[in-house]
Amino acid sequence: MSKATLQRSDADQWLDIRGAYQLKHPGPFRPEDVVIWAVENGLCDLPRINPTTMLVNRLRRALRSARMRDSSGRLVREMVPARFERVDENGNYVFDVVWDYLHSMSLEHALRSFDQRDRNILKQRHSASRDVQSCLENNPNVKGHDQLFLFDFFVDEAETQAAEEMAESPLPRKPK
């Protein structure tokens, strides 16, 4: 019986590179400096760049940043994305991110887009809350300074329960 070789994830490999960099350069760092150091020291190769992928990423950044004034004078996104899943010809699940205009998108697109955005915000709040709580409990440089950490992203148990229920429900979520 042969043993399969387990491959380390890309993230694990980068964390190892970051660890090696910090052994030689302790303290805060810029990711750009870690990458330059890794390439110079042969720990990674520069990737081949697909020009289409590069241009698609530029377009996505432009779409995310495009703003307009609505009829009430609010500065809002011009276009909003929604992730839709489909099954391709090989039976694989594929996720397509489809963009549409804020003021003319379908109801399905609007519900899906804003539900996905709401879920992402809640996940970010949960993560930020855990990070702050851990910092306050474990970082000797901030211990005793809890009163300086007045952030609105602390999450209570009711929100945690609601988030777990949302994660189990299919998209789009029914309006309340």
C-alpha atoms as a PDB file:
ATOM      1  CA  MET A   1       0.000   0.000   0.000  1.00  0.00           C
ATOM      2  CA  SER A   2       1.468   3.332  -0.974  1.00  0.00           C
ATOM      3  CA  LYS A   3       1.213   6.486   1.063  1.00  0.00           C
ATOM      4  CA  ALA A   4      -0.057   9.660  -0.538  1.00  0.00           C
ATOM      5  CA  THR A   5       2.125  12.705  -0.065  1.00  0.00           C
ATOM      6  CA  LEU A   6       0.247  15.538   1.578  1.00  0.00           C
ATOM      7  CA  GLN A   7       0.881  18.930   0.065  1.00  0.00           C
ATOM      8  CA  ARG A   8       1.090  21.951   2.335  1.00  0.00           C
ATOM      9  CA  SER A   9      -1.315  24.732   1.512  1.00  0.00           C
ATOM     10  CA  ASP A  10      -0.116  27.904  -0.142  1.00  0.00           C
ATOM     11  CA  ALA A  11      -1.049  29.836   3.007  1.00  0.00           C
ATOM     12  CA  ASP A  12       1.050  27.502   5.191  1.00  0.00           C
ATOM     13  CA  GLN A  13       4.022  27.913   2.868  1.00  0.00           C
ATOM     14  CA  TRP A  14       3.726  31.720   3.018  1.00  0.00           C
ATOM     15  CA  LEU A  15       3.426  31.628   6.806  1.00  0.00           C
ATOM     16  CA  ASP A  16       6.632  29.585   6.924  1.00  0.00           C
ATOM     17  CA  ILE A  17       8.345  32.168   4.691  1.00  0.00           C
ATOM     18  CA  ARG A  18       7.065  34.957   6.942  1.00  0.00           C
ATOM     19  CA  GLY A  19       8.448  33.093   9.968  1.00  0.00           C
ATOM     20  CA  ALA A  20      11.858  32.710   8.326  1.00  0.00           C
ATOM     21  CA  TYR A  21      11.838  36.400   7.399  1.00  0.00           C
ATOM     22  CA  GLN A  22      11.005  37.431  10.960  1.00  0.00           C
ATOM     23  CA  LEU A  23      13.840  35.340  12.367  1.00  0.00           C
ATOM     24  CA  LYS A  24      16.206  37.558  10.372  1.00  0.00           C
ATOM     25  CA  HIS A  25      14.102  40.759  10.644  1.00  0.00           C
ATOM     26  CA  PRO A  26      12.201  40.794  13.969  1.00  0.00           C
ATOM     27  CA  GLY A  27       9.382  43.243  14.636  1.00  0.00           C
ATOM     28  CA  PRO A  28       6.654  44.709  12.453  1.00  0.00           C
ATOM     29  CA  PHE A  29       6.993  44.131   8.720  1.00  0.00           C
ATOM     30  CA  ARG A  30       5.530  45.033   5.348  1.00  0.00           C
ATOM     31  CA  PRO A  31       4.333  42.075   3.234  1.00  0.00           C
ATOM     32  CA  GLU A  32       6.118  43.634   0.223  1.00  0.00           C
ATOM     33  CA  ASP A  33       9.451  43.318   2.065  1.00  0.00           C
ATOM     34  CA  VAL A  34       8.771  39.652   2.905  1.00  0.00           C
ATOM     35  CA  VAL A  35       7.997  38.827  -0.739  1.00  0.00           C
ATOM     36  CA  ILE A  36      11.094  40.655  -2.044  1.00  0.00           C
ATOM     37  CA  TRP A  37      13.233  38.850   0.553  1.00  0.00           C
ATOM     38  CA  ALA A  38      11.653  35.468  -0.346  1.00  0.00           C
ATOM     39  CA  VAL A  39      12.307  35.940  -4.084  1.00  0.00           C
ATOM     40  CA  GLU A  40      15.886  37.142  -3.480  1.00  0.00           C
ATOM     41  CA  ASN A  41      16.552  34.123  -1.244  1.00  0.00           C
ATOM     42  CA  GLY A  42      15.028  31.567  -3.620  1.00  0.00           C
ATOM     43  CA  LEU A  43      12.117  30.685  -1.322  1.00  0.00           C
ATOM     44  CA  CYS A  44       9.568  31.401  -4.052  1.00  0.00           C
ATOM     45  CA  ASP A  45       9.472  32.172  -7.736  1.00  0.00           C
ATOM     46  CA  LEU A  46       7.770  35.099  -9.360  1.00  0.00           C
ATOM     47  CA  PRO A  47       4.474  33.853 -10.784  1.00  0.00           C
ATOM     48  CA  ARG A  48       3.672  33.831 -14.468  1.00  0.00           C
ATOM     49  CA  ILE A  49       0.974  36.393 -14.951  1.00  0.00           C
ATOM     50  CA  ASN A  50      -2.036  35.810 -17.133  1.00  0.00           C
ATOM     51  CA  PRO A  51      -2.781  39.233 -18.633  1.00  0.00           C
ATOM     52  CA  THR A  52      -6.531  38.512 -18.745  1.00  0.00           C
ATOM     53  CA  THR A  53      -6.616  37.663 -15.037  1.00  0.00           C
ATOM     54  CA  MET A  54      -4.652  40.819 -14.257  1.00  0.00           C
ATOM     55  CA  LEU A  55      -7.085  42.947 -16.270  1.00  0.00           C
ATOM     56  CA  VAL A  56     -10.127  41.240 -14.705  1.00  0.00           C
ATOM     57  CA  ASN A  57      -8.740  42.076 -11.249  1.00  0.00           C
ATOM     58  CA  ARG A  58      -8.268  45.710 -12.294  1.00  0.00           C
ATOM     59  CA  LEU A  59     -11.849  45.838 -13.546  1.00  0.00           C
ATOM     60  CA  ARG A  60     -13.128  44.330 -10.266  1.00  0.00           C
ATOM     61  CA  ARG A  61     -11.252  46.998  -8.270  1.00  0.00           C
ATOM     62  CA  ALA A  62     -12.737  49.712 -10.489  1.00  0.00           C
ATOM     63  CA  LEU A  63     -16.249  48.267 -10.098  1.00  0.00           C
ATOM     64  CA  ARG A  64     -15.861  48.128  -6.296  1.00  0.00           C
ATOM     65  CA  SER A  65     -14.732  51.752  -6.172  1.00  0.00           C
ATOM     66  CA  ALA A  66     -17.279  53.251  -8.603  1.00  0.00           C
ATOM     67  CA  ARG A  67     -19.634  55.596  -6.736  1.00  0.00           C
ATOM     68  CA  MET A  68     -22.524  57.844  -7.739  1.00  0.00           C
ATOM     69  CA  ARG A  69     -24.925  60.231  -6.031  1.00  0.00           C
ATOM     70  CA  ASP A  70     -28.466  58.960  -5.763  1.00  0.00           C
ATOM     71  CA  SER A  71     -31.566  61.166  -5.966  1.00  0.00           C
ATOM     72  CA  SER A  72     -31.295  61.855  -2.205  1.00  0.00           C
ATOM     73  CA  GLY A  73     -27.682  62.966  -2.484  1.00  0.00           C
ATOM     74  CA  ARG A  74     -26.165  59.835  -0.871  1.00  0.00           C
ATOM     75  CA  LEU A  75     -22.859  58.616  -2.240  1.00  0.00           C
ATOM     76  CA  VAL A  76     -23.536  54.944  -3.088  1.00  0.00           C
ATOM     77  CA  ARG A  77     -21.987  52.118  -5.070  1.00  0.00           C
ATOM     78  CA  GLU A  78     -22.914  52.270  -8.723  1.00  0.00           C
ATOM     79  CA  MET A  79     -22.745  48.497  -9.158  1.00  0.00           C
ATOM     80  CA  VAL A  80     -23.107  45.609  -6.735  1.00  0.00           C
ATOM     81  CA  PRO A  81     -21.873  42.023  -6.979  1.00  0.00           C
ATOM     82  CA  ALA A  82     -23.743  38.854  -6.110  1.00  0.00           C
ATOM     83  CA  ARG A  83     -22.307  35.359  -6.037  1.00  0.00           C
ATOM     84  CA  PHE A  84     -24.388  32.746  -7.850  1.00  0.00           C
ATOM     85  CA  GLU A  85     -23.652  29.050  -7.932  1.00  0.00           C
ATOM     86  CA  ARG A  86     -24.212  26.756 -10.877  1.00  0.00           C
ATOM     87  CA  VAL A  87     -23.242  23.269 -11.951  1.00  0.00           C
ATOM     88  CA  ASP A  88     -20.945  23.064 -14.975  1.00  0.00           C
ATOM     89  CA  GLU A  89     -21.010  20.420 -17.720  1.00  0.00           C
ATOM     90  CA  ASN A  90     -18.754  18.133 -15.601  1.00  0.00           C
ATOM     91  CA  GLY A  91     -21.047  18.278 -12.565  1.00  0.00           C
ATOM     92  CA  ASN A  92     -18.772  20.632 -10.608  1.00  0.00           C
ATOM     93  CA  TYR A  93     -20.142  23.502  -8.561  1.00  0.00           C
ATOM     94  CA  VAL A  94     -18.940  26.814  -9.939  1.00  0.00           C
ATOM     95  CA  PHE A  95     -19.436  30.201  -8.314  1.00  0.00           C
ATOM     96  CA  ASP A  96     -19.879  33.173 -10.609  1.00  0.00           C
ATOM     97  CA  VAL A  97     -19.746  36.727  -9.302  1.00  0.00           C
ATOM     98  CA  VAL A  98     -22.191  38.767 -11.352  1.00  0.00           C
ATOM     99  CA  TRP A  99     -22.285  42.561 -11.212  1.00  0.00           C
ATOM    100  CA  ASP A 100     -25.374  44.689 -11.856  1.00  0.00           C
ATOM    101  CA  TYR A 101     -26.432  48.331 -11.555  1.00  0.00           C
ATOM    102  CA  LEU A 102     -27.733  49.307  -8.109  1.00  0.00           C
ATOM    103  CA  HIS A 103     -30.805  51.082  -9.466  1.00  0.00           C
ATOM    104  CA  SER A 104     -31.869  48.543 -12.093  1.00  0.00           C
ATOM    105  CA  MET A 105     -30.846  45.107 -10.756  1.00  0.00           C
ATOM    106  CA  SER A 106     -33.430  42.346 -10.283  1.00  0.00           C
ATOM    107  CA  LEU A 107     -34.986  41.635  -6.902  1.00  0.00           C
ATOM    108  CA  GLU A 108     -33.159  38.276  -6.788  1.00  0.00           C
ATOM    109  CA  HIS A 109     -29.809  39.980  -7.412  1.00  0.00           C
ATOM    110  CA  ALA A 110     -30.521  42.636  -4.755  1.00  0.00           C
ATOM    111  CA  LEU A 111     -31.576  40.091  -2.103  1.00  0.00           C
ATOM    112  CA  ARG A 112     -28.615  37.847  -2.801  1.00  0.00           C
ATOM    113  CA  SER A 113     -26.084  40.688  -2.943  1.00  0.00           C
ATOM    114  CA  PHE A 114     -27.163  42.427   0.244  1.00  0.00           C
ATOM    115  CA  ASP A 115     -27.601  39.143   2.135  1.00  0.00           C
ATOM    116  CA  GLN A 116     -24.059  38.106   1.192  1.00  0.00           C
ATOM    117  CA  ARG A 117     -22.729  41.522   2.195  1.00  0.00           C
ATOM    118  CA  ASP A 118     -24.577  41.372   5.531  1.00  0.00           C
ATOM    119  CA  ARG A 119     -23.120  37.931   6.260  1.00  0.00           C
ATOM    120  CA  ASN A 120     -19.609  39.139   5.430  1.00  0.00           C
ATOM    121  CA  ILE A 121     -19.960  42.139   7.751  1.00  0.00           C
ATOM    122  CA  LEU A 122     -21.177  39.900  10.579  1.00  0.00           C
ATOM    123  CA  LYS A 123     -18.256  37.507  10.035  1.00  0.00           C
ATOM    124  CA  GLN A 124     -15.825  40.436  10.113  1.00  0.00           C
ATOM    125  CA  ARG A 125     -17.394  41.700  13.347  1.00  0.00           C
ATOM    126  CA  HIS A 126     -17.059  38.249  14.936  1.00  0.00           C
ATOM    127  CA  SER A 127     -13.427  38.016  13.891  1.00  0.00           C
ATOM    128  CA  ALA A 128     -12.600  41.549  15.056  1.00  0.00           C
ATOM    129  CA  SER A 129     -14.345  40.932  18.387  1.00  0.00           C
ATOM    130  CA  ARG A 130     -12.303  37.768  19.004  1.00  0.00           C
ATOM    131  CA  ASP A 131      -9.085  39.551  18.013  1.00  0.00           C
ATOM    132  CA  VAL A 132      -9.697  42.480  20.389  1.00  0.00           C
ATOM    133  CA  GLN A 133     -10.711  40.211  23.262  1.00  0.00           C
ATOM    134  CA  SER A 134      -7.609  38.059  22.779  1.00  0.00           C
ATOM    135  CA  CYS A 135      -5.384  41.152  22.554  1.00  0.00           C
ATOM    136  CA  LEU A 136      -6.861  42.575  25.769  1.00  0.00           C
ATOM    137  CA  GLU A 137      -6.348  39.285  27.601  1.00  0.00           C
ATOM    138  CA  ASN A 138      -2.952  38.270  26.253  1.00  0.00           C
ATOM    139  CA  ASN A 139      -0.945  41.321  25.143  1.00  0.00           C
ATOM    140  CA  PRO A 140       1.002  42.784  28.067  1.00  0.00           C
ATOM    141  CA  ASN A 141       1.338  46.112  26.199  1.00  0.00           C
ATOM    142  CA  VAL A 142      -2.430  46.738  26.313  1.00  0.00           C
ATOM    143  CA  LYS A 143      -3.453  44.988  29.543  1.00  0.00           C
ATOM    144  CA  GLY A 144      -5.236  47.401  31.850  1.00  0.00           C
ATOM    145  CA  HIS A 145      -6.175  49.733  28.977  1.00  0.00           C
ATOM    146  CA  ASP A 146      -9.554  48.125  28.197  1.00  0.00           C
ATOM    147  CA  GLN A 147     -11.289  51.511  28.401  1.00  0.00           C
ATOM    148  CA  LEU A 148      -9.374  52.662  25.290  1.00  0.00           C
ATOM    149  CA  PHE A 149     -10.864  49.825  23.213  1.00  0.00           C
ATOM    150  CA  LEU A 150     -14.378  51.158  22.642  1.00  0.00           C
ATOM    151  CA  PHE A 151     -15.397  49.513  19.388  1.00  0.00           C
ATOM    152  CA  ASP A 152     -18.863  48.785  18.042  1.00  0.00           C
ATOM    153  CA  PHE A 153     -18.026  45.337  16.716  1.00  0.00           C
ATOM    154  CA  PHE A 154     -18.393  43.391  19.936  1.00  0.00           C
ATOM    155  CA  VAL A 155     -20.874  40.615  19.229  1.00  0.00           C
ATOM    156  CA  ASP A 156     -23.378  39.281  21.733  1.00  0.00           C
ATOM    157  CA  GLU A 157     -24.717  35.734  22.014  1.00  0.00           C
ATOM    158  CA  ALA A 158     -27.985  36.561  20.212  1.00  0.00           C
ATOM    159  CA  GLU A 159     -26.020  37.788  17.186  1.00  0.00           C
ATOM    160  CA  THR A 160     -23.826  34.693  17.308  1.00  0.00           C
ATOM    161  CA  GLN A 161     -26.913  32.457  17.269  1.00  0.00           C
ATOM    162  CA  ALA A 162     -28.442  34.483  14.431  1.00  0.00           C
ATOM    163  CA  ALA A 163     -25.215  34.216  12.428  1.00  0.00           C
ATOM    164  CA  GLU A 164     -25.154  30.438  12.843  1.00  0.00           C
ATOM    165  CA  GLU A 165     -28.767  30.198  11.710  1.00  0.00           C
ATOM    166  CA  MET A 166     -28.037  32.426   8.706  1.00  0.00           C
ATOM    167  CA  ALA A 167     -25.090  30.239   7.728  1.00  0.00           C
ATOM    168  CA  GLU A 168     -27.400  27.221   7.608  1.00  0.00           C
ATOM    169  CA  SER A 169     -30.148  28.909   5.585  1.00  0.00           C
ATOM    170  CA  PRO A 170     -30.154  28.896   1.780  1.00  0.00           C
ATOM    171  CA  LEU A 171     -29.713  32.134  -0.156  1.00  0.00           C
ATOM    172  CA  PRO A 172     -31.470  34.455  -0.535  1.00  0.00           C
ATOM    173  CA  ARG A 173     -32.768  34.865   2.999  1.00  0.00           C
ATOM    174  CA  LYS A 174     -36.437  35.753   3.372  1.00  0.00           C
ATOM    175  CA  PRO A 175     -37.052  39.359   4.397  1.00  0.00           C
ATOM    176  CA  LYS A 176     -38.131  39.822   8.024  1.00  0.00           C
END
